[in-house]
Amino acid sequence: MVTVGVLSLQGAFREHVSVLRSLGAQTRKVTRPEHLEGLDSIVLPGGESSAMVRIAANVGLFPVLSQRIRDGLPTFGTCAGLILLAERLTDETLDGYGRLGGLGITVARNAYGSQRESFVAPLTVTGLDGDFHGTFIRAPQIVDAGDAEVLASHAGLPVLVRSGNVWGGSFHPELGPDTRIHELFLQTVGVTV
């Protein structure tokens, strides 16, 4: 059985764990560097990216995880997880804190608005039949996809991208009953559950 790690510092990690378990994956909550041993892939959830980088800094998690991602660990970051994977941000709020990198994209934090401006939008996703309803909550916006492959867009901007084994989405695929984004990620990076 495969083991999928879920970064569990803060945010929507429980929802990702639930989806992954429903697909037959064994999961492990990741809060420290030693929790990375033996993982087949990892999911970085939505939440508050500034809280995540501060918590991770206290235990030295991100330098080790960043190296694992560079070494090929299949990784999927959603919402705040996307921010952690982005090589560039449009603001400086996380400067001074180590992020992960892995996606050569530029992201604007909270660009889709405040909590009150959250929305659900139908998305056409490469590799899926029929729309996927993406939930956007204080979502980051991919303002430049760089060399990443765009798998879905909303209002003319990328909202789901991948570069090799690293995926990133502006929305929360773990919210709602549709598990196809998680399935597609696992299948595409060769993780069979």
N, C-alpha and C. Protein backbone atom coordinates (compact mmCIF):
# COMPACT_ATOMS: atom_id res chain seq x y z
N MET A 1 0.84 -1.18 0.00
CA MET A 1 0.00 0.00 0.00
C MET A 1 0.88 1.24 0.00
N VAL A 2 0.44 2.26 -0.74
CA VAL A 2 1.20 3.50 -0.81
C VAL A 2 0.91 4.37 0.41
N THR A 3 1.87 5.23 0.71
CA THR A 3 1.69 6.17 1.81
C THR A 3 1.80 7.58 1.26
N VAL A 4 0.73 8.34 1.44
CA VAL A 4 0.69 9.73 0.99
C VAL A 4 0.78 10.61 2.23
N GLY A 5 1.77 11.46 2.27
CA GLY A 5 1.90 12.40 3.36
C GLY A 5 0.98 13.59 3.16
N VAL A 6 0.52 14.15 4.23
CA VAL A 6 -0.28 15.38 4.18
C VAL A 6 0.34 16.36 5.17
N LEU A 7 0.84 17.48 4.67
CA LEU A 7 1.40 18.50 5.54
C LEU A 7 0.32 18.93 6.52
N SER A 8 0.58 18.78 7.80
CA SER A 8 -0.47 18.94 8.82
C SER A 8 -0.09 19.99 9.86
N LEU A 9 0.46 21.09 9.41
CA LEU A 9 0.85 22.17 10.31
C LEU A 9 -0.34 23.05 10.68
N GLN A 10 -1.28 23.17 9.74
CA GLN A 10 -2.40 24.09 9.89
C GLN A 10 -3.24 23.96 8.63
N GLY A 11 -4.51 24.31 8.70
CA GLY A 11 -5.33 24.35 7.50
C GLY A 11 -6.17 23.10 7.28
N ALA A 12 -6.48 22.83 6.00
CA ALA A 12 -7.46 21.81 5.62
C ALA A 12 -6.84 20.41 5.46
N PHE A 13 -5.90 20.06 6.31
CA PHE A 13 -5.24 18.76 6.15
C PHE A 13 -6.18 17.60 6.43
N ARG A 14 -7.10 17.73 7.37
CA ARG A 14 -8.02 16.63 7.70
C ARG A 14 -8.87 16.24 6.49
N GLU A 15 -9.31 17.23 5.73
CA GLU A 15 -10.14 16.97 4.56
C GLU A 15 -9.36 16.22 3.49
N HIS A 16 -8.09 16.57 3.29
CA HIS A 16 -7.26 15.84 2.33
C HIS A 16 -7.04 14.40 2.81
N VAL A 17 -6.77 14.22 4.09
CA VAL A 17 -6.60 12.87 4.64
C VAL A 17 -7.84 12.04 4.36
N SER A 18 -9.01 12.59 4.58
CA SER A 18 -10.26 11.88 4.36
C SER A 18 -10.42 11.46 2.90
N VAL A 19 -10.15 12.37 1.97
CA VAL A 19 -10.26 12.05 0.54
C VAL A 19 -9.28 10.95 0.17
N LEU A 20 -8.04 11.09 0.58
CA LEU A 20 -7.01 10.11 0.22
C LEU A 20 -7.33 8.73 0.78
N ARG A 21 -7.81 8.68 2.01
CA ARG A 21 -8.19 7.39 2.60
C ARG A 21 -9.37 6.78 1.86
N SER A 22 -10.32 7.61 1.41
CA SER A 22 -11.46 7.09 0.66
C SER A 22 -11.02 6.48 -0.67
N LEU A 23 -9.86 6.91 -1.16
CA LEU A 23 -9.32 6.36 -2.41
C LEU A 23 -8.45 5.13 -2.17
N GLY A 24 -8.28 4.74 -0.92
CA GLY A 24 -7.50 3.55 -0.59
C GLY A 24 -6.05 3.80 -0.25
N ALA A 25 -5.66 5.05 -0.11
CA ALA A 25 -4.28 5.36 0.24
C ALA A 25 -4.10 5.35 1.75
N GLN A 26 -2.94 4.91 2.18
CA GLN A 26 -2.55 5.08 3.58
C GLN A 26 -2.00 6.50 3.69
N THR A 27 -2.34 7.21 4.76
CA THR A 27 -1.86 8.58 4.90
C THR A 27 -0.99 8.72 6.14
N ARG A 28 -0.17 9.75 6.11
CA ARG A 28 0.65 10.09 7.27
C ARG A 28 0.65 11.60 7.40
N LYS A 29 0.33 12.10 8.59
CA LYS A 29 0.42 13.53 8.84
C LYS A 29 1.89 13.90 8.97
N VAL A 30 2.28 14.96 8.28
CA VAL A 30 3.67 15.41 8.27
C VAL A 30 3.77 16.74 9.01
N THR A 31 4.51 16.72 10.11
CA THR A 31 4.77 17.94 10.87
C THR A 31 6.25 18.13 11.18
N ARG A 32 7.05 17.10 10.93
CA ARG A 32 8.48 17.14 11.25
C ARG A 32 9.25 16.45 10.12
N PRO A 33 10.54 16.74 9.96
CA PRO A 33 11.32 16.14 8.88
C PRO A 33 11.29 14.61 8.87
N GLU A 34 11.30 14.00 10.05
CA GLU A 34 11.34 12.52 10.07
C GLU A 34 10.06 11.88 9.55
N HIS A 35 8.98 12.63 9.46
CA HIS A 35 7.73 12.09 8.92
C HIS A 35 7.76 11.93 7.41
N LEU A 36 8.81 12.43 6.76
CA LEU A 36 8.92 12.33 5.30
C LEU A 36 9.46 10.98 4.84
N GLU A 37 10.06 10.23 5.75
CA GLU A 37 10.67 8.95 5.38
C GLU A 37 9.64 7.98 4.82
N GLY A 38 9.92 7.42 3.64
CA GLY A 38 9.09 6.37 3.06
C GLY A 38 7.82 6.85 2.38
N LEU A 39 7.65 8.15 2.21
CA LEU A 39 6.44 8.63 1.54
C LEU A 39 6.52 8.39 0.03
N ASP A 40 5.35 8.09 -0.56
CA ASP A 40 5.25 7.94 -2.01
C ASP A 40 4.86 9.25 -2.68
N SER A 41 4.21 10.14 -1.95
CA SER A 41 3.85 11.48 -2.42
C SER A 41 3.43 12.31 -1.21
N ILE A 42 3.20 13.60 -1.46
CA ILE A 42 2.76 14.47 -0.37
C ILE A 42 1.77 15.50 -0.91
N VAL A 43 0.82 15.86 -0.06
CA VAL A 43 -0.17 16.90 -0.37
C VAL A 43 0.03 18.04 0.62
N LEU A 44 0.05 19.26 0.09
CA LEU A 44 0.19 20.47 0.90
C LEU A 44 -1.15 21.18 0.87
N PRO A 45 -1.87 21.27 1.98
CA PRO A 45 -3.24 21.77 1.98
C PRO A 45 -3.34 23.29 1.95
N GLY A 46 -4.58 23.72 1.81
CA GLY A 46 -4.89 25.13 1.98
C GLY A 46 -4.89 25.49 3.46
N GLY A 47 -4.85 26.75 3.72
CA GLY A 47 -4.82 27.25 5.09
C GLY A 47 -4.19 28.63 5.07
N GLU A 48 -3.40 28.93 6.04
CA GLU A 48 -2.73 30.23 6.13
C GLU A 48 -1.24 30.03 5.91
N SER A 49 -0.77 30.43 4.72
CA SER A 49 0.62 30.17 4.35
C SER A 49 1.61 30.82 5.32
N SER A 50 1.30 32.01 5.83
CA SER A 50 2.24 32.66 6.75
C SER A 50 2.36 31.87 8.05
N ALA A 51 1.27 31.29 8.53
CA ALA A 51 1.34 30.44 9.72
C ALA A 51 2.15 29.18 9.43
N MET A 52 1.95 28.59 8.26
CA MET A 52 2.66 27.36 7.92
C MET A 52 4.16 27.56 7.87
N VAL A 53 4.62 28.64 7.24
CA VAL A 53 6.07 28.84 7.13
C VAL A 53 6.69 29.09 8.50
N ARG A 54 5.97 29.77 9.38
CA ARG A 54 6.50 30.04 10.72
C ARG A 54 6.58 28.74 11.55
N ILE A 55 5.54 27.93 11.49
CA ILE A 55 5.54 26.67 12.23
C ILE A 55 6.64 25.74 11.70
N ALA A 56 6.74 25.64 10.37
CA ALA A 56 7.74 24.77 9.76
C ALA A 56 9.16 25.21 10.11
N ALA A 57 9.38 26.52 10.21
CA ALA A 57 10.71 27.04 10.52
C ALA A 57 11.17 26.57 11.89
N ASN A 58 10.25 26.41 12.82
CA ASN A 58 10.61 26.00 14.17
C ASN A 58 11.13 24.58 14.26
N VAL A 59 10.79 23.74 13.28
CA VAL A 59 11.22 22.33 13.33
C VAL A 59 12.15 21.96 12.17
N GLY A 60 12.50 22.94 11.32
CA GLY A 60 13.41 22.67 10.21
C GLY A 60 12.83 21.77 9.14
N LEU A 61 11.52 21.82 8.96
CA LEU A 61 10.85 20.91 8.01
C LEU A 61 11.08 21.28 6.55
N PHE A 62 10.97 22.56 6.20
CA PHE A 62 10.94 22.92 4.79
C PHE A 62 12.25 22.69 4.04
N PRO A 63 13.43 22.90 4.63
CA PRO A 63 14.64 22.58 3.86
C PRO A 63 14.69 21.10 3.45
N VAL A 64 14.28 20.22 4.34
CA VAL A 64 14.30 18.78 4.04
C VAL A 64 13.23 18.45 3.00
N LEU A 65 12.01 18.99 3.18
CA LEU A 65 10.93 18.73 2.23
C LEU A 65 11.25 19.32 0.86
N SER A 66 11.83 20.50 0.84
CA SER A 66 12.21 21.12 -0.44
C SER A 66 13.18 20.24 -1.21
N GLN A 67 14.15 19.68 -0.51
CA GLN A 67 15.10 18.77 -1.17
C GLN A 67 14.40 17.53 -1.69
N ARG A 68 13.48 16.97 -0.91
CA ARG A 68 12.72 15.80 -1.37
C ARG A 68 11.92 16.11 -2.62
N ILE A 69 11.34 17.31 -2.68
CA ILE A 69 10.58 17.71 -3.88
C ILE A 69 11.53 17.83 -5.06
N ARG A 70 12.69 18.46 -4.88
CA ARG A 70 13.67 18.57 -5.96
C ARG A 70 14.17 17.20 -6.39
N ASP A 71 14.19 16.24 -5.46
CA ASP A 71 14.62 14.87 -5.79
C ASP A 71 13.53 14.05 -6.46
N GLY A 72 12.31 14.63 -6.63
CA GLY A 72 11.26 13.95 -7.39
C GLY A 72 10.05 13.48 -6.62
N LEU A 73 9.92 13.81 -5.32
CA LEU A 73 8.75 13.39 -4.56
C LEU A 73 7.50 14.02 -5.19
N PRO A 74 6.54 13.21 -5.67
CA PRO A 74 5.31 13.78 -6.21
C PRO A 74 4.61 14.63 -5.15
N THR A 75 4.26 15.87 -5.54
CA THR A 75 3.75 16.85 -4.60
C THR A 75 2.56 17.58 -5.21
N PHE A 76 1.52 17.78 -4.39
CA PHE A 76 0.34 18.53 -4.83
C PHE A 76 0.01 19.57 -3.77
N GLY A 77 0.12 20.84 -4.14
CA GLY A 77 -0.19 21.93 -3.24
C GLY A 77 -1.48 22.62 -3.63
N THR A 78 -2.39 22.79 -2.67
CA THR A 78 -3.65 23.45 -2.95
C THR A 78 -3.75 24.73 -2.12
N CYS A 79 -4.19 25.81 -2.75
CA CYS A 79 -4.38 27.11 -2.11
C CYS A 79 -3.09 27.55 -1.41
N ALA A 80 -3.00 27.49 -0.10
CA ALA A 80 -1.76 27.87 0.59
C ALA A 80 -0.60 26.98 0.15
N GLY A 81 -0.89 25.71 -0.12
CA GLY A 81 0.15 24.80 -0.62
C GLY A 81 0.73 25.27 -1.93
N LEU A 82 -0.12 25.86 -2.80
CA LEU A 82 0.35 26.44 -4.05
C LEU A 82 1.32 27.59 -3.77
N ILE A 83 0.99 28.42 -2.79
CA ILE A 83 1.86 29.54 -2.43
C ILE A 83 3.23 29.02 -1.98
N LEU A 84 3.23 27.96 -1.20
CA LEU A 84 4.49 27.39 -0.72
C LEU A 84 5.35 26.85 -1.85
N LEU A 85 4.72 26.36 -2.92
CA LEU A 85 5.45 25.77 -4.05
C LEU A 85 5.89 26.79 -5.09
N ALA A 86 5.27 27.97 -5.10
CA ALA A 86 5.58 28.98 -6.10
C ALA A 86 6.99 29.51 -5.93
N GLU A 87 7.69 29.63 -7.04
CA GLU A 87 9.05 30.20 -7.00
C GLU A 87 9.02 31.70 -6.73
N ARG A 88 7.92 32.37 -7.13
CA ARG A 88 7.83 33.82 -6.98
C ARG A 88 6.45 34.22 -6.44
N LEU A 89 6.44 35.22 -5.55
CA LEU A 89 5.21 35.82 -5.05
C LEU A 89 5.20 37.30 -5.45
N THR A 90 4.00 37.85 -5.61
CA THR A 90 3.90 39.26 -6.00
C THR A 90 4.07 40.20 -4.82
N ASP A 91 4.02 39.69 -3.60
CA ASP A 91 4.24 40.52 -2.42
C ASP A 91 5.40 39.97 -1.61
N GLU A 92 5.77 40.65 -0.55
CA GLU A 92 6.94 40.27 0.23
C GLU A 92 6.57 39.75 1.62
N THR A 93 5.31 39.37 1.82
CA THR A 93 4.86 39.01 3.16
C THR A 93 5.54 37.77 3.72
N LEU A 94 6.04 36.90 2.86
CA LEU A 94 6.70 35.68 3.35
C LEU A 94 8.21 35.75 3.21
N ASP A 95 8.73 36.91 2.81
CA ASP A 95 10.19 37.05 2.72
C ASP A 95 10.81 36.81 4.09
N GLY A 96 11.94 36.17 4.09
CA GLY A 96 12.61 35.87 5.34
C GLY A 96 12.25 34.50 5.88
N TYR A 97 11.23 33.88 5.29
CA TYR A 97 10.84 32.52 5.68
C TYR A 97 11.08 31.61 4.50
N GLY A 98 11.62 30.44 4.77
CA GLY A 98 11.84 29.48 3.70
C GLY A 98 10.53 28.91 3.20
N ARG A 99 10.34 28.97 1.89
CA ARG A 99 9.23 28.26 1.27
C ARG A 99 9.82 27.06 0.57
N LEU A 100 9.01 26.33 -0.18
CA LEU A 100 9.47 25.07 -0.76
C LEU A 100 9.97 25.21 -2.19
N GLY A 101 9.29 25.99 -3.01
CA GLY A 101 9.62 26.05 -4.42
C GLY A 101 9.21 24.75 -5.11
N GLY A 102 9.53 24.64 -6.36
CA GLY A 102 9.19 23.45 -7.14
C GLY A 102 8.33 23.75 -8.35
N LEU A 103 7.62 24.89 -8.31
CA LEU A 103 6.83 25.33 -9.46
C LEU A 103 7.34 26.70 -9.90
N GLY A 104 7.78 26.79 -11.14
CA GLY A 104 8.31 28.05 -11.67
C GLY A 104 7.21 29.01 -12.06
N ILE A 105 6.36 29.35 -11.11
CA ILE A 105 5.21 30.21 -11.35
C ILE A 105 5.28 31.43 -10.44
N THR A 106 4.46 32.44 -10.77
CA THR A 106 4.32 33.62 -9.93
C THR A 106 2.89 33.65 -9.40
N VAL A 107 2.76 33.85 -8.09
CA VAL A 107 1.45 33.78 -7.43
C VAL A 107 1.20 35.07 -6.64
N ALA A 108 -0.05 35.52 -6.69
CA ALA A 108 -0.51 36.63 -5.86
C ALA A 108 -1.38 36.05 -4.76
N ARG A 109 -0.98 36.26 -3.51
CA ARG A 109 -1.74 35.72 -2.37
C ARG A 109 -3.10 36.41 -2.25
N ASN A 110 -4.13 35.64 -1.87
CA ASN A 110 -5.48 36.15 -1.59
C ASN A 110 -6.05 37.02 -2.72
N ALA A 111 -5.63 36.79 -3.95
CA ALA A 111 -6.00 37.66 -5.06
C ALA A 111 -7.46 37.55 -5.47
N TYR A 112 -8.12 36.45 -5.12
CA TYR A 112 -9.53 36.30 -5.47
C TYR A 112 -10.45 36.93 -4.44
N GLY A 113 -9.90 37.60 -3.45
CA GLY A 113 -10.73 38.34 -2.50
C GLY A 113 -10.74 37.74 -1.11
N SER A 114 -11.56 38.35 -0.28
CA SER A 114 -11.66 37.97 1.13
C SER A 114 -12.52 36.71 1.30
N GLN A 115 -12.65 36.29 2.53
CA GLN A 115 -13.46 35.13 2.88
C GLN A 115 -14.89 35.30 2.35
N ARG A 116 -15.44 36.50 2.46
CA ARG A 116 -16.81 36.77 2.00
C ARG A 116 -16.97 36.61 0.49
N GLU A 117 -15.87 36.72 -0.23
CA GLU A 117 -15.92 36.64 -1.69
C GLU A 117 -15.58 35.25 -2.21
N SER A 118 -15.64 34.25 -1.35
CA SER A 118 -15.39 32.87 -1.75
C SER A 118 -16.46 32.44 -2.75
N PHE A 119 -16.10 31.51 -3.63
CA PHE A 119 -17.04 31.06 -4.64
C PHE A 119 -16.68 29.66 -5.12
N VAL A 120 -17.64 29.04 -5.81
CA VAL A 120 -17.44 27.75 -6.45
C VAL A 120 -17.61 27.96 -7.95
N ALA A 121 -16.69 27.43 -8.75
CA ALA A 121 -16.76 27.62 -10.20
C ALA A 121 -16.55 26.28 -10.91
N PRO A 122 -17.30 26.05 -11.99
CA PRO A 122 -17.05 24.85 -12.80
C PRO A 122 -15.75 25.02 -13.58
N LEU A 123 -14.92 23.99 -13.53
CA LEU A 123 -13.62 24.02 -14.21
C LEU A 123 -13.51 22.86 -15.18
N THR A 124 -13.00 23.15 -16.36
CA THR A 124 -12.66 22.10 -17.32
C THR A 124 -11.21 21.73 -17.05
N VAL A 125 -11.00 20.48 -16.64
CA VAL A 125 -9.67 20.03 -16.23
C VAL A 125 -9.14 19.01 -17.23
N THR A 126 -7.96 19.25 -17.75
CA THR A 126 -7.32 18.30 -18.66
C THR A 126 -7.24 16.94 -17.98
N GLY A 127 -7.74 15.90 -18.66
CA GLY A 127 -7.69 14.55 -18.12
C GLY A 127 -8.97 14.11 -17.42
N LEU A 128 -9.94 15.03 -17.24
CA LEU A 128 -11.20 14.68 -16.60
C LEU A 128 -12.36 14.87 -17.57
N ASP A 129 -13.32 13.97 -17.51
CA ASP A 129 -14.56 14.13 -18.27
C ASP A 129 -15.55 14.92 -17.41
N GLY A 130 -16.12 15.95 -17.96
CA GLY A 130 -17.09 16.75 -17.23
C GLY A 130 -16.40 17.75 -16.31
N ASP A 131 -17.15 18.77 -15.93
CA ASP A 131 -16.60 19.82 -15.09
C ASP A 131 -16.29 19.34 -13.68
N PHE A 132 -15.29 19.96 -13.09
CA PHE A 132 -14.98 19.80 -11.67
C PHE A 132 -15.33 21.12 -11.02
N HIS A 133 -16.07 21.08 -9.93
CA HIS A 133 -16.47 22.31 -9.25
C HIS A 133 -15.41 22.67 -8.21
N GLY A 134 -14.63 23.71 -8.54
CA GLY A 134 -13.55 24.15 -7.67
C GLY A 134 -14.03 25.17 -6.66
N THR A 135 -13.64 24.99 -5.40
CA THR A 135 -14.01 25.91 -4.32
C THR A 135 -12.84 26.85 -4.07
N PHE A 136 -13.09 28.15 -4.23
CA PHE A 136 -12.07 29.18 -4.07
C PHE A 136 -12.34 29.95 -2.78
N ILE A 137 -11.43 29.87 -1.81
CA ILE A 137 -11.58 30.54 -0.53
C ILE A 137 -10.31 31.36 -0.27
N ARG A 138 -10.42 32.67 -0.30
CA ARG A 138 -9.24 33.54 -0.15
C ARG A 138 -8.10 33.01 -1.02
N ALA A 139 -8.43 32.67 -2.23
CA ALA A 139 -7.54 31.89 -3.09
C ALA A 139 -6.41 32.73 -3.69
N PRO A 140 -5.25 32.10 -3.84
CA PRO A 140 -4.16 32.75 -4.56
C PRO A 140 -4.42 32.67 -6.06
N GLN A 141 -3.84 33.60 -6.77
CA GLN A 141 -4.00 33.64 -8.22
C GLN A 141 -2.64 33.40 -8.88
N ILE A 142 -2.64 32.51 -9.86
CA ILE A 142 -1.43 32.27 -10.64
C ILE A 142 -1.38 33.36 -11.71
N VAL A 143 -0.50 34.34 -11.54
CA VAL A 143 -0.43 35.46 -12.47
C VAL A 143 0.53 35.19 -13.62
N ASP A 144 1.43 34.23 -13.44
CA ASP A 144 2.33 33.82 -14.52
C ASP A 144 2.63 32.34 -14.32
N ALA A 145 2.21 31.51 -15.29
CA ALA A 145 2.41 30.07 -15.19
C ALA A 145 3.83 29.64 -15.55
N GLY A 146 4.63 30.57 -16.05
CA GLY A 146 6.00 30.22 -16.39
C GLY A 146 6.05 29.04 -17.34
N ASP A 147 6.84 28.03 -16.99
CA ASP A 147 6.96 26.85 -17.84
C ASP A 147 6.05 25.71 -17.40
N ALA A 148 5.16 25.97 -16.44
CA ALA A 148 4.26 24.92 -15.96
C ALA A 148 3.14 24.67 -16.98
N GLU A 149 2.70 23.43 -17.06
CA GLU A 149 1.58 23.07 -17.91
C GLU A 149 0.28 23.47 -17.21
N VAL A 150 -0.58 24.18 -17.93
CA VAL A 150 -1.86 24.60 -17.37
C VAL A 150 -2.89 23.51 -17.59
N LEU A 151 -3.47 22.99 -16.51
CA LEU A 151 -4.47 21.93 -16.58
C LEU A 151 -5.90 22.45 -16.47
N ALA A 152 -6.08 23.63 -15.89
CA ALA A 152 -7.40 24.24 -15.78
C ALA A 152 -7.24 25.74 -15.60
N SER A 153 -8.22 26.49 -16.11
CA SER A 153 -8.23 27.94 -15.98
C SER A 153 -9.60 28.40 -15.52
N HIS A 154 -9.63 29.60 -14.96
CA HIS A 154 -10.88 30.25 -14.59
C HIS A 154 -10.75 31.73 -14.96
N ALA A 155 -11.71 32.24 -15.68
CA ALA A 155 -11.72 33.64 -16.10
C ALA A 155 -10.41 34.02 -16.79
N GLY A 156 -9.88 33.10 -17.59
CA GLY A 156 -8.68 33.38 -18.37
C GLY A 156 -7.36 33.23 -17.64
N LEU A 157 -7.40 32.84 -16.37
CA LEU A 157 -6.15 32.66 -15.61
C LEU A 157 -6.00 31.21 -15.17
N PRO A 158 -4.76 30.70 -15.14
CA PRO A 158 -4.54 29.33 -14.69
C PRO A 158 -4.95 29.15 -13.23
N VAL A 159 -5.58 28.01 -12.92
CA VAL A 159 -5.92 27.69 -11.53
C VAL A 159 -5.45 26.29 -11.13
N LEU A 160 -4.95 25.51 -12.10
CA LEU A 160 -4.37 24.20 -11.81
C LEU A 160 -3.23 23.98 -12.79
N VAL A 161 -2.03 23.77 -12.25
CA VAL A 161 -0.83 23.62 -13.09
C VAL A 161 -0.01 22.44 -12.61
N ARG A 162 0.87 21.99 -13.49
CA ARG A 162 1.84 20.97 -13.07
C ARG A 162 3.15 21.17 -13.82
N SER A 163 4.20 20.75 -13.16
CA SER A 163 5.52 20.74 -13.74
C SER A 163 6.18 19.46 -13.26
N GLY A 164 6.24 18.48 -14.15
CA GLY A 164 6.75 17.17 -13.76
C GLY A 164 5.83 16.56 -12.72
N ASN A 165 6.38 16.17 -11.57
CA ASN A 165 5.63 15.54 -10.49
C ASN A 165 5.06 16.54 -9.49
N VAL A 166 5.17 17.83 -9.78
CA VAL A 166 4.70 18.85 -8.85
C VAL A 166 3.47 19.53 -9.43
N TRP A 167 2.38 19.48 -8.66
CA TRP A 167 1.11 20.08 -9.06
C TRP A 167 0.75 21.20 -8.09
N GLY A 168 0.02 22.19 -8.60
CA GLY A 168 -0.47 23.24 -7.73
C GLY A 168 -1.82 23.74 -8.20
N GLY A 169 -2.73 24.00 -7.24
CA GLY A 169 -4.06 24.50 -7.56
C GLY A 169 -4.43 25.66 -6.67
N SER A 170 -5.14 26.63 -7.24
CA SER A 170 -5.61 27.79 -6.49
C SER A 170 -6.80 27.46 -5.60
N PHE A 171 -7.49 26.39 -5.91
CA PHE A 171 -8.75 26.07 -5.25
C PHE A 171 -8.59 24.88 -4.30
N HIS A 172 -9.69 24.50 -3.65
CA HIS A 172 -9.71 23.41 -2.67
C HIS A 172 -10.42 22.18 -3.25
N PRO A 173 -9.70 21.23 -3.85
CA PRO A 173 -10.36 20.04 -4.40
C PRO A 173 -10.83 19.07 -3.33
N GLU A 174 -10.39 19.27 -2.10
CA GLU A 174 -10.76 18.36 -1.00
C GLU A 174 -12.13 18.68 -0.42
N LEU A 175 -12.70 19.82 -0.81
CA LEU A 175 -14.00 20.22 -0.28
C LEU A 175 -15.09 19.79 -1.27
N GLY A 176 -15.96 18.92 -0.86
CA GLY A 176 -16.99 18.41 -1.74
C GLY A 176 -16.78 16.94 -2.03
N PRO A 177 -17.76 16.31 -2.67
CA PRO A 177 -17.72 14.86 -2.85
C PRO A 177 -16.89 14.37 -4.04
N ASP A 178 -16.45 15.24 -4.92
CA ASP A 178 -15.75 14.85 -6.13
C ASP A 178 -14.27 14.63 -5.83
N THR A 179 -13.81 13.41 -5.96
CA THR A 179 -12.41 13.06 -5.63
C THR A 179 -11.52 12.95 -6.87
N ARG A 180 -12.02 13.36 -8.03
CA ARG A 180 -11.29 13.10 -9.28
C ARG A 180 -9.96 13.84 -9.40
N ILE A 181 -9.82 15.01 -8.81
CA ILE A 181 -8.54 15.72 -8.88
C ILE A 181 -7.47 14.93 -8.13
N HIS A 182 -7.80 14.46 -6.93
CA HIS A 182 -6.84 13.64 -6.18
C HIS A 182 -6.51 12.36 -6.94
N GLU A 183 -7.52 11.72 -7.52
CA GLU A 183 -7.29 10.51 -8.31
C GLU A 183 -6.36 10.79 -9.47
N LEU A 184 -6.61 11.87 -10.20
CA LEU A 184 -5.80 12.23 -11.36
C LEU A 184 -4.36 12.50 -10.94
N PHE A 185 -4.17 13.25 -9.87
CA PHE A 185 -2.81 13.51 -9.38
C PHE A 185 -2.10 12.19 -9.08
N LEU A 186 -2.72 11.32 -8.30
CA LEU A 186 -2.08 10.06 -7.91
C LEU A 186 -1.77 9.20 -9.14
N GLN A 187 -2.71 9.09 -10.07
CA GLN A 187 -2.49 8.28 -11.26
C GLN A 187 -1.37 8.85 -12.13
N THR A 188 -1.39 10.17 -12.31
CA THR A 188 -0.44 10.80 -13.22
C THR A 188 0.99 10.73 -12.71
N VAL A 189 1.16 10.75 -11.39
CA VAL A 189 2.53 10.67 -10.86
C VAL A 189 2.93 9.23 -10.52
N GLY A 190 2.08 8.27 -10.94
CA GLY A 190 2.45 6.87 -10.81
C GLY A 190 2.20 6.26 -9.44
N VAL A 191 1.35 6.89 -8.63
CA VAL A 191 1.01 6.34 -7.33
C VAL A 191 -0.30 5.57 -7.48
N THR A 192 -0.23 4.27 -7.35
CA THR A 192 -1.40 3.42 -7.52
C THR A 192 -1.98 3.05 -6.17
N VAL A 193 -3.26 3.38 -5.99
CA VAL A 193 -3.93 3.03 -4.74
C VAL A 193 -4.98 1.96 -4.98
